[in-house]
Each structure stands twice: as structure tokens, then as C-alpha cells.
Amino acid sequence: MPAWQWIASQISAYLMIGLLSAILLIVVGKAAFGVPLTDNWGAVFVGFTFSALAFMAFGYLIASLSPNSQAASIAGQLLYMPMIFLCGAMMPLSILPRGIQAVSQWLPIAHIVILMKAL
């Protein structure tokens, strides 16, 4: 099997899992918490897809620079966990100190959070 087919199948599988997870999250959010929904589902789908593909590319970059899978996993978690807490996904940026708000603008996931909140 050529490498591109293996990578394409892996990306497709991860994208489908991510989409199904997002749909489940939206359904539970609406049913249990009354989260308001958008009318523009096409834009949400495109935004989610591009965001997921961007982070998959970031993961492949980390994996390609790591000596083994364990190092890649550790590096990914060391980068991802601070980003998720400092980008406005877990708590509003407005309650964080100004210095952290400035740093968060340099994090790639902060822009995804802004995009998805706007959609």
C-alpha cells in the first residue's frame, strides 16, 4: 500500500470520528443544557473540518519530528493541554490575566475557538 493511501485512510477515519463526536456533543448540549444552535450548518461543517485537518497536520508534524510514538504522545500532550486551557475553550478569556490573554492570541487553537464560537 502506498504511504499516501495509508495516510489518507487514517485522516479520513480520524475526521469521521471527530465529526461523530462533535455531532454527539451538539445533540447532548442541546438536549441537556439548551445550547442555542445555528442555522448555518454548512459553515460549521467547513470550519470544523478545516480546524480538524489543521490539527491533524500539527499532529503529523509532531510525529515526524519525534523519535518514537511515546515521545510523540508526550510532546503532543505537553503542547495541547496548555493550549486548551489558555485559549478560551475551557473558560472565557476575559477572566484570565491580560498577559495570558496576549499569549493566547499566539496559540493556533485560540483562533479555532473564536471561529467556532462565531459560527
PDB file of N, CA and C in Angstrom:
ATOM      1  N   MET A   1       0.849  -1.171   0.000  1.00  0.00           N
ATOM      2  CA  MET A   1       0.000   0.000   0.000  1.00  0.00           C
ATOM      3  C   MET A   1       0.896   1.236   0.000  1.00  0.00           C
ATOM      4  N   PRO A   2       0.644   2.146  -0.902  1.00  0.00           N
ATOM      5  CA  PRO A   2       1.426   3.386  -0.910  1.00  0.00           C
ATOM      6  C   PRO A   2       1.181   4.202   0.368  1.00  0.00           C
ATOM      7  N   ALA A   3       2.178   4.944   0.763  1.00  0.00           N
ATOM      8  CA  ALA A   3       2.093   5.734   2.001  1.00  0.00           C
ATOM      9  C   ALA A   3       0.943   6.732   1.951  1.00  0.00           C
ATOM     10  N   TRP A   4       0.704   7.345   0.813  1.00  0.00           N
ATOM     11  CA  TRP A   4      -0.359   8.351   0.737  1.00  0.00           C
ATOM     12  C   TRP A   4      -1.730   7.739   0.989  1.00  0.00           C
ATOM     13  N   GLN A   5      -1.938   6.473   0.560  1.00  0.00           N
ATOM     14  CA  GLN A   5      -3.220   5.820   0.809  1.00  0.00           C
ATOM     15  C   GLN A   5      -3.411   5.533   2.297  1.00  0.00           C
ATOM     16  N   TRP A   6      -2.346   5.113   2.947  1.00  0.00           N
ATOM     17  CA  TRP A   6      -2.413   4.838   4.381  1.00  0.00           C
ATOM     18  C   TRP A   6      -2.707   6.117   5.160  1.00  0.00           C
ATOM     19  N   ILE A   7      -2.015   7.193   4.812  1.00  0.00           N
ATOM     20  CA  ILE A   7      -2.225   8.466   5.495  1.00  0.00           C
ATOM     21  C   ILE A   7      -3.639   9.000   5.211  1.00  0.00           C
ATOM     22  N   ALA A   8      -4.089   8.901   3.974  1.00  0.00           N
ATOM     23  CA  ALA A   8      -5.437   9.366   3.618  1.00  0.00           C
ATOM     24  C   ALA A   8      -6.507   8.575   4.367  1.00  0.00           C
ATOM     25  N   SER A   9      -6.324   7.271   4.485  1.00  0.00           N
ATOM     26  CA  SER A   9      -7.311   6.465   5.210  1.00  0.00           C
ATOM     27  C   SER A   9      -7.300   6.791   6.699  1.00  0.00           C
ATOM     28  N   GLN A  10      -6.129   7.041   7.241  1.00  0.00           N
ATOM     29  CA  GLN A  10      -6.031   7.399   8.655  1.00  0.00           C
ATOM     30  C   GLN A  10      -6.682   8.758   8.916  1.00  0.00           C
ATOM     31  N   ILE A  11      -6.414   9.723   8.064  1.00  0.00           N
ATOM     32  CA  ILE A  11      -7.016  11.052   8.216  1.00  0.00           C
ATOM     33  C   ILE A  11      -8.534  10.961   8.059  1.00  0.00           C
ATOM     34  N   SER A  12      -9.003  10.196   7.094  1.00  0.00           N
ATOM     35  CA  SER A  12     -10.449  10.038   6.894  1.00  0.00           C
ATOM     36  C   SER A  12     -11.112   9.425   8.122  1.00  0.00           C
ATOM     37  N   ALA A  13     -10.493   8.399   8.681  1.00  0.00           N
ATOM     38  CA  ALA A  13     -11.069   7.750   9.865  1.00  0.00           C
ATOM     39  C   ALA A  13     -11.111   8.715  11.046  1.00  0.00           C
ATOM     40  N   TYR A  14     -10.015   9.429  11.289  1.00  0.00           N
ATOM     41  CA  TYR A  14      -9.986  10.385  12.406  1.00  0.00           C
ATOM     42  C   TYR A  14     -10.979  11.525  12.192  1.00  0.00           C
ATOM     43  N   LEU A  15     -11.127  11.975  10.962  1.00  0.00           N
ATOM     44  CA  LEU A  15     -12.076  13.048  10.669  1.00  0.00           C
ATOM     45  C   LEU A  15     -13.511  12.575  10.922  1.00  0.00           C
ATOM     46  N   MET A  16     -13.836  11.355  10.522  1.00  0.00           N
ATOM     47  CA  MET A  16     -15.176  10.826  10.764  1.00  0.00           C
ATOM     48  C   MET A  16     -15.453  10.667  12.262  1.00  0.00           C
ATOM     49  N   ILE A  17     -14.473  10.178  12.998  1.00  0.00           N
ATOM     50  CA  ILE A  17     -14.635  10.045  14.446  1.00  0.00           C
ATOM     51  C   ILE A  17     -14.841  11.420  15.075  1.00  0.00           C
ATOM     52  N   GLY A  18     -14.076  12.396  14.625  1.00  0.00           N
ATOM     53  CA  GLY A  18     -14.220  13.754  15.138  1.00  0.00           C
ATOM     54  C   GLY A  18     -15.584  14.345  14.818  1.00  0.00           C
ATOM     55  N   LEU A  19     -16.065  14.133  13.605  1.00  0.00           N
ATOM     56  CA  LEU A  19     -17.387  14.638  13.219  1.00  0.00           C
ATOM     57  C   LEU A  19     -18.497  13.978  14.024  1.00  0.00           C
ATOM     58  N   LEU A  20     -18.413  12.678  14.199  1.00  0.00           N
ATOM     59  CA  LEU A  20     -19.421  11.986  15.002  1.00  0.00           C
ATOM     60  C   LEU A  20     -19.382  12.449  16.454  1.00  0.00           C
ATOM     61  N   SER A  21     -18.199  12.669  16.987  1.00  0.00           N
ATOM     62  CA  SER A  21     -18.066  13.185  18.359  1.00  0.00           C
ATOM     63  C   SER A  21     -18.663  14.576  18.478  1.00  0.00           C
ATOM     64  N   ALA A  22     -18.418  15.429  17.482  1.00  0.00           N
ATOM     65  CA  ALA A  22     -18.961  16.788  17.504  1.00  0.00           C
ATOM     66  C   ALA A  22     -20.483  16.761  17.417  1.00  0.00           C
ATOM     67  N   ILE A  23     -21.032  15.887  16.590  1.00  0.00           N
ATOM     68  CA  ILE A  23     -22.490  15.766  16.475  1.00  0.00           C
ATOM     69  C   ILE A  23     -23.087  15.307  17.799  1.00  0.00           C
ATOM     70  N   LEU A  24     -22.466  14.334  18.439  1.00  0.00           N
ATOM     71  CA  LEU A  24     -22.939  13.856  19.743  1.00  0.00           C
ATOM     72  C   LEU A  24     -22.871  14.972  20.786  1.00  0.00           C
ATOM     73  N   LEU A  25     -21.799  15.729  20.766  1.00  0.00           N
ATOM     74  CA  LEU A  25     -21.641  16.854  21.694  1.00  0.00           C
ATOM     75  C   LEU A  25     -22.738  17.892  21.473  1.00  0.00           C
ATOM     76  N   ILE A  26     -23.041  18.198  20.231  1.00  0.00           N
ATOM     77  CA  ILE A  26     -24.091  19.176  19.909  1.00  0.00           C
ATOM     78  C   ILE A  26     -25.457  18.662  20.361  1.00  0.00           C
ATOM     79  N   VAL A  27     -25.754  17.400  20.108  1.00  0.00           N
ATOM     80  CA  VAL A  27     -27.045  16.828  20.497  1.00  0.00           C
ATOM     81  C   VAL A  27     -27.205  16.846  22.015  1.00  0.00           C
ATOM     82  N   VAL A  28     -26.189  16.416  22.735  1.00  0.00           N
ATOM     83  CA  VAL A  28     -26.257  16.412  24.199  1.00  0.00           C
ATOM     84  C   VAL A  28     -26.328  17.845  24.736  1.00  0.00           C
ATOM     85  N   GLY A  29     -25.564  18.745  24.151  1.00  0.00           N
ATOM     86  CA  GLY A  29     -25.602  20.144  24.584  1.00  0.00           C
ATOM     87  C   GLY A  29     -26.977  20.755  24.417  1.00  0.00           C
ATOM     88  N   LYS A  30     -27.627  20.454  23.313  1.00  0.00           N
ATOM     89  CA  LYS A  30     -28.973  20.982  23.062  1.00  0.00           C
ATOM     90  C   LYS A  30     -29.994  20.328  23.979  1.00  0.00           C
ATOM     91  N   ALA A  31     -29.940  19.003  24.094  1.00  0.00           N
ATOM     92  CA  ALA A  31     -30.939  18.272  24.876  1.00  0.00           C
ATOM     93  C   ALA A  31     -30.792  18.511  26.378  1.00  0.00           C
ATOM     94  N   ALA A  32     -29.578  18.481  26.872  1.00  0.00           N
ATOM     95  CA  ALA A  32     -29.377  18.563  28.317  1.00  0.00           C
ATOM     96  C   ALA A  32     -29.236  19.990  28.830  1.00  0.00           C
ATOM     97  N   PHE A  33     -28.679  20.884  28.017  1.00  0.00           N
ATOM     98  CA  PHE A  33     -28.361  22.218  28.518  1.00  0.00           C
ATOM     99  C   PHE A  33     -29.022  23.345  27.731  1.00  0.00           C
ATOM    100  N   GLY A  34     -29.772  23.010  26.702  1.00  0.00           N
ATOM    101  CA  GLY A  34     -30.460  24.028  25.923  1.00  0.00           C
ATOM    102  C   GLY A  34     -29.536  24.974  25.175  1.00  0.00           C
ATOM    103  N   VAL A  35     -28.409  24.475  24.736  1.00  0.00           N
ATOM    104  CA  VAL A  35     -27.447  25.295  23.999  1.00  0.00           C
ATOM    105  C   VAL A  35     -28.098  25.781  22.703  1.00  0.00           C
ATOM    106  N   PRO A  36     -28.040  27.092  22.438  1.00  0.00           N
ATOM    107  CA  PRO A  36     -28.636  27.583  21.184  1.00  0.00           C
ATOM    108  C   PRO A  36     -27.833  27.099  19.976  1.00  0.00           C
ATOM    109  N   LEU A  37     -28.552  26.774  18.913  1.00  0.00           N
ATOM    110  CA  LEU A  37     -27.902  26.249  17.711  1.00  0.00           C
ATOM    111  C   LEU A  37     -27.974  27.270  16.580  1.00  0.00           C
ATOM    112  N   THR A  38     -27.088  27.114  15.640  1.00  0.00           N
ATOM    113  CA  THR A  38     -27.008  27.995  14.487  1.00  0.00           C
ATOM    114  C   THR A  38     -27.901  27.489  13.350  1.00  0.00           C
ATOM    115  N   ASP A  39     -28.159  28.359  12.412  1.00  0.00           N
ATOM    116  CA  ASP A  39     -28.879  27.950  11.207  1.00  0.00           C
ATOM    117  C   ASP A  39     -27.921  27.632  10.065  1.00  0.00           C
ATOM    118  N   ASN A  40     -26.660  27.985  10.226  1.00  0.00           N
ATOM    119  CA  ASN A  40     -25.677  27.853   9.157  1.00  0.00           C
ATOM    120  C   ASN A  40     -24.798  26.617   9.389  1.00  0.00           C
ATOM    121  N   TRP A  41     -25.375  25.438   9.207  1.00  0.00           N
ATOM    122  CA  TRP A  41     -24.649  24.194   9.468  1.00  0.00           C
ATOM    123  C   TRP A  41     -23.527  23.943   8.460  1.00  0.00           C
ATOM    124  N   GLY A  42     -23.669  24.455   7.255  1.00  0.00           N
ATOM    125  CA  GLY A  42     -22.609  24.294   6.258  1.00  0.00           C
ATOM    126  C   GLY A  42     -21.330  24.988   6.689  1.00  0.00           C
ATOM    127  N   ALA A  43     -21.459  26.202   7.214  1.00  0.00           N
ATOM    128  CA  ALA A  43     -20.285  26.935   7.689  1.00  0.00           C
ATOM    129  C   ALA A  43     -19.657  26.239   8.899  1.00  0.00           C
ATOM    130  N   VAL A  44     -20.489  25.711   9.780  1.00  0.00           N
ATOM    131  CA  VAL A  44     -19.963  24.983  10.947  1.00  0.00           C
ATOM    132  C   VAL A  44     -19.193  23.744  10.484  1.00  0.00           C
ATOM    133  N   PHE A  45     -19.756  23.017   9.523  1.00  0.00           N
ATOM    134  CA  PHE A  45     -19.091  21.822   8.996  1.00  0.00           C
ATOM    135  C   PHE A  45     -17.743  22.168   8.365  1.00  0.00           C
ATOM    136  N   VAL A  46     -17.720  23.207   7.541  1.00  0.00           N
ATOM    137  CA  VAL A  46     -16.471  23.618   6.882  1.00  0.00           C
ATOM    138  C   VAL A  46     -15.458  24.095   7.917  1.00  0.00           C
ATOM    139  N   GLY A  47     -15.892  24.914   8.869  1.00  0.00           N
ATOM    140  CA  GLY A  47     -14.980  25.396   9.912  1.00  0.00           C
ATOM    141  C   GLY A  47     -14.410  24.267  10.741  1.00  0.00           C
ATOM    142  N   PHE A  48     -15.276  23.315  11.129  1.00  0.00           N
ATOM    143  CA  PHE A  48     -14.818  22.166  11.910  1.00  0.00           C
ATOM    144  C   PHE A  48     -13.845  21.315  11.101  1.00  0.00           C
ATOM    145  N   THR A  49     -14.172  21.069   9.849  1.00  0.00           N
ATOM    146  CA  THR A  49     -13.324  20.222   9.007  1.00  0.00           C
ATOM    147  C   THR A  49     -11.939  20.836   8.826  1.00  0.00           C
ATOM    148  N   PHE A  50     -11.886  22.124   8.485  1.00  0.00           N
ATOM    149  CA  PHE A  50     -10.581  22.767   8.315  1.00  0.00           C
ATOM    150  C   PHE A  50      -9.798  22.806   9.623  1.00  0.00           C
ATOM    151  N   SER A  51     -10.488  23.039  10.725  1.00  0.00           N
ATOM    152  CA  SER A  51      -9.822  23.064  12.030  1.00  0.00           C
ATOM    153  C   SER A  51      -9.263  21.691  12.383  1.00  0.00           C
ATOM    154  N   ALA A  52     -10.062  20.656  12.162  1.00  0.00           N
ATOM    155  CA  ALA A  52      -9.609  19.300  12.456  1.00  0.00           C
ATOM    156  C   ALA A  52      -8.421  18.913  11.577  1.00  0.00           C
ATOM    157  N   LEU A  53      -8.495  19.246  10.297  1.00  0.00           N
ATOM    158  CA  LEU A  53      -7.388  18.925   9.383  1.00  0.00           C
ATOM    159  C   LEU A  53      -6.117  19.679   9.774  1.00  0.00           C
ATOM    160  N   ALA A  54      -6.266  20.931  10.215  1.00  0.00           N
ATOM    161  CA  ALA A  54      -5.093  21.697  10.643  1.00  0.00           C
ATOM    162  C   ALA A  54      -4.430  21.050  11.851  1.00  0.00           C
ATOM    163  N   PHE A  55      -5.232  20.582  12.810  1.00  0.00           N
ATOM    164  CA  PHE A  55      -4.626  19.952  13.977  1.00  0.00           C
ATOM    165  C   PHE A  55      -4.106  18.558  13.688  1.00  0.00           C
ATOM    166  N   MET A  56      -4.685  17.881  12.720  1.00  0.00           N
ATOM    167  CA  MET A  56      -4.107  16.603  12.303  1.00  0.00           C
ATOM    168  C   MET A  56      -2.736  16.835  11.668  1.00  0.00           C
ATOM    169  N   ALA A  57      -2.617  17.880  10.863  1.00  0.00           N
ATOM    170  CA  ALA A  57      -1.320  18.222  10.264  1.00  0.00           C
ATOM    171  C   ALA A  57      -0.307  18.553  11.356  1.00  0.00           C
ATOM    172  N   PHE A  58      -0.766  19.276  12.377  1.00  0.00           N
ATOM    173  CA  PHE A  58       0.110  19.603  13.508  1.00  0.00           C
ATOM    174  C   PHE A  58       0.565  18.315  14.209  1.00  0.00           C
ATOM    175  N   GLY A  59      -0.358  17.365  14.369  1.00  0.00           N
ATOM    176  CA  GLY A  59      -0.009  16.077  14.979  1.00  0.00           C
ATOM    177  C   GLY A  59       0.978  15.289  14.140  1.00  0.00           C
ATOM    178  N   TYR A  60       0.795  15.302  12.819  1.00  0.00           N
ATOM    179  CA  TYR A  60       1.753  14.614  11.943  1.00  0.00           C
ATOM    180  C   TYR A  60       3.124  15.285  11.995  1.00  0.00           C
ATOM    181  N   LEU A  61       3.155  16.596  12.143  1.00  0.00           N
ATOM    182  CA  LEU A  61       4.435  17.300  12.289  1.00  0.00           C
ATOM    183  C   LEU A  61       5.139  16.854  13.558  1.00  0.00           C
ATOM    184  N   ILE A  62       4.412  16.805  14.660  1.00  0.00           N
ATOM    185  CA  ILE A  62       4.998  16.341  15.923  1.00  0.00           C
ATOM    186  C   ILE A  62       5.489  14.907  15.784  1.00  0.00           C
ATOM    187  N   ALA A  63       4.674  14.058  15.159  1.00  0.00           N
ATOM    188  CA  ALA A  63       5.058  12.651  14.991  1.00  0.00           C
ATOM    189  C   ALA A  63       6.292  12.507  14.115  1.00  0.00           C
ATOM    190  N   SER A  64       6.404  13.334  13.088  1.00  0.00           N
ATOM    191  CA  SER A  64       7.552  13.215  12.188  1.00  0.00           C
ATOM    192  C   SER A  64       8.846  13.685  12.841  1.00  0.00           C
ATOM    193  N   LEU A  65       8.734  14.571  13.817  1.00  0.00           N
ATOM    194  CA  LEU A  65       9.930  15.079  14.496  1.00  0.00           C
ATOM    195  C   LEU A  65      10.311  14.261  15.730  1.00  0.00           C
ATOM    196  N   SER A  66       9.449  13.336  16.136  1.00  0.00           N
ATOM    197  CA  SER A  66       9.683  12.551  17.352  1.00  0.00           C
ATOM    198  C   SER A  66      10.395  11.246  17.023  1.00  0.00           C
ATOM    199  N   PRO A  67      11.251  10.793  17.950  1.00  0.00           N
ATOM    200  CA  PRO A  67      11.986   9.547  17.694  1.00  0.00           C
ATOM    201  C   PRO A  67      11.128   8.288  17.777  1.00  0.00           C
ATOM    202  N   ASN A  68      10.029   8.338  18.547  1.00  0.00           N
ATOM    203  CA  ASN A  68       9.150   7.175  18.665  1.00  0.00           C
ATOM    204  C   ASN A  68       7.743   7.636  19.040  1.00  0.00           C
ATOM    205  N   SER A  69       6.810   6.699  19.084  1.00  0.00           N
ATOM    206  CA  SER A  69       5.414   7.066  19.337  1.00  0.00           C
ATOM    207  C   SER A  69       5.191   7.571  20.756  1.00  0.00           C
ATOM    208  N   GLN A  70       5.942   7.044  21.710  1.00  0.00           N
ATOM    209  CA  GLN A  70       5.787   7.505  23.091  1.00  0.00           C
ATOM    210  C   GLN A  70       6.228   8.964  23.221  1.00  0.00           C
ATOM    211  N   ALA A  71       7.326   9.329  22.601  1.00  0.00           N
ATOM    212  CA  ALA A  71       7.797  10.718  22.636  1.00  0.00           C
ATOM    213  C   ALA A  71       6.811  11.636  21.919  1.00  0.00           C
ATOM    214  N   ALA A  72       6.232  11.165  20.824  1.00  0.00           N
ATOM    215  CA  ALA A  72       5.250  11.962  20.097  1.00  0.00           C
ATOM    216  C   ALA A  72       4.008  12.199  20.952  1.00  0.00           C
ATOM    217  N   SER A  73       3.561  11.178  21.656  1.00  0.00           N
ATOM    218  CA  SER A  73       2.395  11.303  22.525  1.00  0.00           C
ATOM    219  C   SER A  73       2.651  12.300  23.650  1.00  0.00           C
ATOM    220  N   ILE A  74       3.805  12.213  24.269  1.00  0.00           N
ATOM    221  CA  ILE A  74       4.160  13.132  25.356  1.00  0.00           C
ATOM    222  C   ILE A  74       4.271  14.556  24.827  1.00  0.00           C
ATOM    223  N   ALA A  75       4.949  14.723  23.709  1.00  0.00           N
ATOM    224  CA  ALA A  75       5.100  16.066  23.133  1.00  0.00           C
ATOM    225  C   ALA A  75       3.738  16.651  22.761  1.00  0.00           C
ATOM    226  N   GLY A  76       2.885  15.838  22.179  1.00  0.00           N
ATOM    227  CA  GLY A  76       1.552  16.308  21.812  1.00  0.00           C
ATOM    228  C   GLY A  76       0.753  16.762  23.018  1.00  0.00           C
ATOM    229  N   GLN A  77       0.802  15.991  24.086  1.00  0.00           N
ATOM    230  CA  GLN A  77       0.071  16.361  25.298  1.00  0.00           C
ATOM    231  C   GLN A  77       0.667  17.597  25.968  1.00  0.00           C
ATOM    232  N   LEU A  78       1.982  17.698  25.955  1.00  0.00           N
ATOM    233  CA  LEU A  78       2.626  18.877  26.548  1.00  0.00           C
ATOM    234  C   LEU A  78       2.282  20.156  25.787  1.00  0.00           C
ATOM    235  N   LEU A  79       2.028  20.045  24.509  1.00  0.00           N
ATOM    236  CA  LEU A  79       1.629  21.211  23.720  1.00  0.00           C
ATOM    237  C   LEU A  79       0.120  21.450  23.775  1.00  0.00           C
ATOM    238  N   TYR A  80      -0.654  20.382  23.716  1.00  0.00           N
ATOM    239  CA  TYR A  80      -2.102  20.506  23.616  1.00  0.00           C
ATOM    240  C   TYR A  80      -2.752  20.967  24.919  1.00  0.00           C
ATOM    241  N   MET A  81      -2.373  20.382  26.036  1.00  0.00           N
ATOM    242  CA  MET A  81      -3.050  20.688  27.300  1.00  0.00           C
ATOM    243  C   MET A  81      -2.931  22.165  27.688  1.00  0.00           C
ATOM    244  N   PRO A  82      -1.758  22.774  27.657  1.00  0.00           N
ATOM    245  CA  PRO A  82      -1.726  24.208  27.960  1.00  0.00           C
ATOM    246  C   PRO A  82      -2.530  25.040  26.960  1.00  0.00           C
ATOM    247  N   MET A  83      -2.491  24.647  25.685  1.00  0.00           N
ATOM    248  CA  MET A  83      -3.245  25.399  24.685  1.00  0.00           C
ATOM    249  C   MET A  83      -4.739  25.368  24.972  1.00  0.00           C
ATOM    250  N   ILE A  84      -5.270  24.213  25.347  1.00  0.00           N
ATOM    251  CA  ILE A  84      -6.703  24.088  25.557  1.00  0.00           C
ATOM    252  C   ILE A  84      -7.163  24.904  26.766  1.00  0.00           C
ATOM    253  N   PHE A  85      -6.313  25.038  27.771  1.00  0.00           N
ATOM    254  CA  PHE A  85      -6.680  25.813  28.951  1.00  0.00           C
ATOM    255  C   PHE A  85      -6.472  27.307  28.767  1.00  0.00           C
ATOM    256  N   LEU A  86      -5.577  27.697  27.868  1.00  0.00           N
ATOM    257  CA  LEU A  86      -5.238  29.114  27.714  1.00  0.00           C
ATOM    258  C   LEU A  86      -5.885  29.777  26.496  1.00  0.00           C
ATOM    259  N   CYS A  87      -6.735  29.066  25.783  1.00  0.00           N
ATOM    260  CA  CYS A  87      -7.256  29.612  24.524  1.00  0.00           C
ATOM    261  C   CYS A  87      -8.681  30.120  24.605  1.00  0.00           C
ATOM    262  N   GLY A  88      -9.355  29.917  25.711  1.00  0.00           N
ATOM    263  CA  GLY A  88     -10.730  30.351  25.823  1.00  0.00           C
ATOM    264  C   GLY A  88     -11.740  29.238  25.616  1.00  0.00           C
ATOM    265  N   ALA A  89     -11.293  28.023  25.450  1.00  0.00           N
ATOM    266  CA  ALA A  89     -12.213  26.901  25.269  1.00  0.00           C
ATOM    267  C   ALA A  89     -12.757  26.404  26.607  1.00  0.00           C
ATOM    268  N   MET A  90     -11.932  26.401  27.628  1.00  0.00           N
ATOM    269  CA  MET A  90     -12.351  25.901  28.937  1.00  0.00           C
ATOM    270  C   MET A  90     -12.974  26.988  29.803  1.00  0.00           C
ATOM    271  N   MET A  91     -12.485  28.190  29.652  1.00  0.00           N
ATOM    272  CA  MET A  91     -13.007  29.326  30.410  1.00  0.00           C
ATOM    273  C   MET A  91     -12.874  30.570  29.549  1.00  0.00           C
ATOM    274  N   PRO A  92     -13.720  31.565  29.762  1.00  0.00           N
ATOM    275  CA  PRO A  92     -13.637  32.771  28.932  1.00  0.00           C
ATOM    276  C   PRO A  92     -12.298  33.484  29.097  1.00  0.00           C
ATOM    277  N   LEU A  93     -11.768  33.960  27.990  1.00  0.00           N
ATOM    278  CA  LEU A  93     -10.504  34.694  28.042  1.00  0.00           C
ATOM    279  C   LEU A  93     -10.611  35.951  28.895  1.00  0.00           C
ATOM    280  N   SER A  94     -11.798  36.517  28.981  1.00  0.00           N
ATOM    281  CA  SER A  94     -11.979  37.775  29.708  1.00  0.00           C
ATOM    282  C   SER A  94     -11.675  37.651  31.196  1.00  0.00           C
ATOM    283  N   ILE A  95     -11.738  36.438  31.755  1.00  0.00           N
ATOM    284  CA  ILE A  95     -11.443  36.292  33.177  1.00  0.00           C
ATOM    285  C   ILE A  95      -9.967  35.989  33.445  1.00  0.00           C
ATOM    286  N   LEU A  96      -9.209  35.761  32.392  1.00  0.00           N
ATOM    287  CA  LEU A  96      -7.785  35.474  32.535  1.00  0.00           C
ATOM    288  C   LEU A  96      -6.991  36.772  32.587  1.00  0.00           C
ATOM    289  N   PRO A  97      -5.815  36.747  33.216  1.00  0.00           N
ATOM    290  CA  PRO A  97      -4.978  37.955  33.254  1.00  0.00           C
ATOM    291  C   PRO A  97      -4.594  38.427  31.852  1.00  0.00           C
ATOM    292  N   ARG A  98      -4.328  39.712  31.719  1.00  0.00           N
ATOM    293  CA  ARG A  98      -4.011  40.317  30.410  1.00  0.00           C
ATOM    294  C   ARG A  98      -2.820  39.647  29.736  1.00  0.00           C
ATOM    295  N   GLY A  99      -1.814  39.248  30.502  1.00  0.00           N
ATOM    296  CA  GLY A  99      -0.644  38.582  29.924  1.00  0.00           C
ATOM    297  C   GLY A  99      -1.006  37.268  29.263  1.00  0.00           C
ATOM    298  N   ILE A 100      -1.865  36.508  29.913  1.00  0.00           N
ATOM    299  CA  ILE A 100      -2.297  35.231  29.333  1.00  0.00           C
ATOM    300  C   ILE A 100      -3.179  35.478  28.116  1.00  0.00           C
ATOM    301  N   GLN A 101      -3.999  36.536  28.167  1.00  0.00           N
ATOM    302  CA  GLN A 101      -4.814  36.871  27.003  1.00  0.00           C
ATOM    303  C   GLN A 101      -3.930  37.201  25.803  1.00  0.00           C
ATOM    304  N   ALA A 102      -2.824  37.891  26.048  1.00  0.00           N
ATOM    305  CA  ALA A 102      -1.899  38.231  24.956  1.00  0.00           C
ATOM    306  C   ALA A 102      -1.230  36.975  24.406  1.00  0.00           C
ATOM    307  N   VAL A 103      -0.812  36.081  25.306  1.00  0.00           N
ATOM    308  CA  VAL A 103      -0.169  34.836  24.872  1.00  0.00           C
ATOM    309  C   VAL A 103      -1.157  33.961  24.107  1.00  0.00           C
ATOM    310  N   SER A 104      -2.411  33.965  24.532  1.00  0.00           N
ATOM    311  CA  SER A 104      -3.400  33.096  23.886  1.00  0.00           C
ATOM    312  C   SER A 104      -3.603  33.448  22.417  1.00  0.00           C
ATOM    313  N   GLN A 105      -3.380  34.686  22.043  1.00  0.00           N
ATOM    314  CA  GLN A 105      -3.545  35.086  20.644  1.00  0.00           C
ATOM    315  C   GLN A 105      -2.490  34.465  19.735  1.00  0.00           C
ATOM    316  N   TRP A 106      -1.431  33.948  20.315  1.00  0.00           N
ATOM    317  CA  TRP A 106      -0.384  33.273  19.536  1.00  0.00           C
ATOM    318  C   TRP A 106      -0.629  31.771  19.419  1.00  0.00           C
ATOM    319  N   LEU A 107      -1.623  31.268  20.146  1.00  0.00           N
ATOM    320  CA  LEU A 107      -1.918  29.837  20.110  1.00  0.00           C
ATOM    321  C   LEU A 107      -2.864  29.526  18.953  1.00  0.00           C
ATOM    322  N   PRO A 108      -2.550  28.531  18.155  1.00  0.00           N
ATOM    323  CA  PRO A 108      -3.400  28.239  16.999  1.00  0.00           C
ATOM    324  C   PRO A 108      -4.825  27.831  17.385  1.00  0.00           C
ATOM    325  N   ILE A 109      -4.978  27.159  18.493  1.00  0.00           N
ATOM    326  CA  ILE A 109      -6.316  26.699  18.872  1.00  0.00           C
ATOM    327  C   ILE A 109      -7.216  27.857  19.297  1.00  0.00           C
ATOM    328  N   ALA A 110      -6.645  28.978  19.737  1.00  0.00           N
ATOM    329  CA  ALA A 110      -7.449  30.145  20.120  1.00  0.00           C
ATOM    330  C   ALA A 110      -8.247  30.655  18.927  1.00  0.00           C
ATOM    331  N   HIS A 111      -7.663  30.624  17.769  1.00  0.00           N
ATOM    332  CA  HIS A 111      -8.350  31.100  16.572  1.00  0.00           C
ATOM    333  C   HIS A 111      -9.446  30.126  16.141  1.00  0.00           C
ATOM    334  N   ILE A 112      -9.250  28.849  16.408  1.00  0.00           N
ATOM    335  CA  ILE A 112     -10.295  27.870  16.127  1.00  0.00           C
ATOM    336  C   ILE A 112     -11.473  28.097  17.079  1.00  0.00           C
ATOM    337  N   VAL A 113     -11.188  28.368  18.342  1.00  0.00           N
ATOM    338  CA  VAL A 113     -12.253  28.638  19.313  1.00  0.00           C
ATOM    339  C   VAL A 113     -13.030  29.884  18.894  1.00  0.00           C
ATOM    340  N   ILE A 114     -12.338  30.915  18.493  1.00  0.00           N
ATOM    341  CA  ILE A 114     -13.002  32.150  18.035  1.00  0.00           C
ATOM    342  C   ILE A 114     -13.881  31.844  16.825  1.00  0.00           C
ATOM    343  N   LEU A 115     -13.351  31.095  15.863  1.00  0.00           N
ATOM    344  CA  LEU A 115     -14.109  30.736  14.668  1.00  0.00           C
ATOM    345  C   LEU A 115     -15.358  29.954  15.019  1.00  0.00           C
ATOM    346  N   MET A 116     -15.219  28.911  15.836  1.00  0.00           N
ATOM    347  CA  MET A 116     -16.359  28.059  16.138  1.00  0.00           C
ATOM    348  C   MET A 116     -17.400  28.790  16.975  1.00  0.00           C
ATOM    349  N   LYS A 117     -16.979  29.679  17.872  1.00  0.00           N
ATOM    350  CA  LYS A 117     -17.947  30.471  18.632  1.00  0.00           C
ATOM    351  C   LYS A 117     -18.700  31.425  17.711  1.00  0.00           C
ATOM    352  N   ALA A 118     -18.020  31.971  16.722  1.00  0.00           N
ATOM    353  CA  ALA A 118     -18.674  32.891  15.797  1.00  0.00           C
ATOM    354  C   ALA A 118     -19.676  32.159  14.899  1.00  0.00           C
ATOM    355  N   LEU A 119     -19.388  30.910  14.595  1.00  0.00           N
ATOM    356  CA  LEU A 119     -20.304  30.152  13.728  1.00  0.00           C
ATOM    357  C   LEU A 119     -21.486  29.645  14.530  1.00  0.00           C
TER     358      LEU A 119
END
